[in-house]
Amino acid sequence: MNLMDSTGNREAVFLGRVTASTTHEFRNVLAIVKESAGLIEDLVASGASDRPQLAERIARAVARIDTQVGRGADLLTNLNRFAPSIDPVREGTDLDQTVSQILMAVLALFVAVIWPAMGMPVFQ
């Protein structure tokens, strides 16, 4: 193994560790957002009879929050799939699975970032 291979491997391992750590922390953030939305929903349900229109609007907002948390979790799952894959290969690689994971990550990025940036409607 030459110096370049060794340096590239160290950089890949570092990137994998940073990715795994970062996605873990983002999952913690998403969990707090999801639990907070659930608390809001519970609070609204307990006093919904006073202002039904407001309760309905808040319920729709909480549903959108929940949908976006799910999308964020899916993005993190796709990103995190690459963190362990940069470890030294000890077995054969399933090319179909790898290509599928890359395509899913690109599609998720497109739907979450590029599509809305183009001003296209976001489907929920």
Foldseek 3Di string as FASTA:
>chain_A
DDPVVVVVLVVLLVVLVVLLVVLVVVLVVLVVQLVVLVVVLVVCVVVCVVPVVVNVVSVVVSVVSVVVSVLSNQLSVLSNVVSVVSHDDPDDDDPVVVVVSVVSNVVSCCLVPVCVVVVHDRDD
